[in-house]
């Protein structure tokens, strides 16, 4: 049980943690106090200052000028800045592709993909950016094909378990989570240790989800002779955590190749393909194209929007195939994931004796429910974000799920709601990194701050063939207009300052 001393100022730590989950690395004292006061209306400024000072002395938070950080986050930011400055001062390496016969995989790539591979093997740190379907995974396979020519190994990783699983399935090479590669996830130890000193190539996929912590960890581990490439889509949703890594690295001038040729959407999905490829130019409803692949159902009444989304979603789920209903919010409002899940389940899997367990009357799931795994469980070979169907086991208090690819996972003596959630509808964040033939998304003005360009882009770019948007035209206009809020980070400024200090140090050494 926590002591009174350990609990002191916990409300400040909780608020700073929530600030980080929203993407900011720090807050100011004034902003922090107001946020704390919203949670605790009776909180006085004197009590807040006293608790803040206590936490600083305990080393749990840190202040830098007017900026207040969780202490570990400031350490990550400072470390990442210094690592970046050291790399950027000597980023070019003799290309590993010089005097090397091109492999079959390399010669079958497009010109821009080949250029990207040459850029990666000519630098210690580089970026490959591209929209959905522009061949990023094919390019990763090309990078892997060149790796055997190196005298060292290759590591593939991604920020989340689901993204790592997708990368493994698409490349045929075992990928890890970033935390697993760094040795911070003991449950991934079965994959074997990473020998960083012998690693010549580090590929990080879905890099838009990278946090400051992940960036600092990777840059700390890699050898000076390794090639590190971050691959991602800058238009997608950013990390659930502090940092805006891709944008910051671009601002620092890290070498970058932009992939522009779309390979995913078929010719029959002309409007969808256009809207994804040219999303940067789509700033209003009039800029979007519509056909059978990209359909908008205008409706302002939330009850009717919910009815349309659920009826359409239920019909498509019954037909089988790859469909997913999405929503920005998990549990707020009639069109949240929680509300849509309840409505869709009652349509698709209503409560009947056949899908109930009489020995477990208070079970929160029904036999056959579409469910999502909530956390990585490497022993069961399932990841956070995996979707399957729920079933009861004969042993009381036991349950399992069946996933695509004949994968099954079972748990004994656990609460299903600790492991699973309904997945008839999921959040756009949870869908990131996945692909579906059909995506259905409600849009209403009550979504407020979630109506942003990167949320809308992430949702529509999950679809290979069809997108159906149902909702208020004004909400769609707002989502097309509203850029995501800039994230608070000093990484770029600090890295530039470290570069200046490095240059001054070199000059002193030269003339010493």
Foldseek 3Di string as FASTA:
>chain_A
DDDPLRCQPVLLVVVLLQLFLLAFQWDFPVVSVVVSCVVVVVDDPVSNVVSVVSCVVVQQWDDDPRTIGGNVSVVLLLLLLLLLLVQVVPWFDDALCPPPDQDPLLVPDDPLLNVVLRLLRGTQEAEEAEFFQLCPLSSVLSNQVCQVSDQAAEAEEEQFPVLQVVSCVSNVDRHYHLCVQLVNDVLNCVVPHDPQARHAEYEYEQCQQDASNSSSSVSVRHDSRHGYYYYHYLLADHHSGYDRPVVLCVVLPHHYRYRQDGDFADPLLVQLVCCLSPVVPQQAPVPGDDDQFEAEAEDADPVVLLVVLLVVLLVVVVVPFFEAEAEAACDDDCPHVVNSLVSNCCVNPNDDPVQADPLCRPQPDTFFFWKFFCADDVVQPHHGLFIFTKDADPDPQKIKTAGPPRRIGIDHNDRVVVTIDGGSYYYLVSLQSAAGQEYEYEFHCVVPLSLASNSVSSRSSSHRGHYYYYYHSVRPSSSSNHHHDDYHGCSNVSSVVSSVVVVVVVVVVVVD
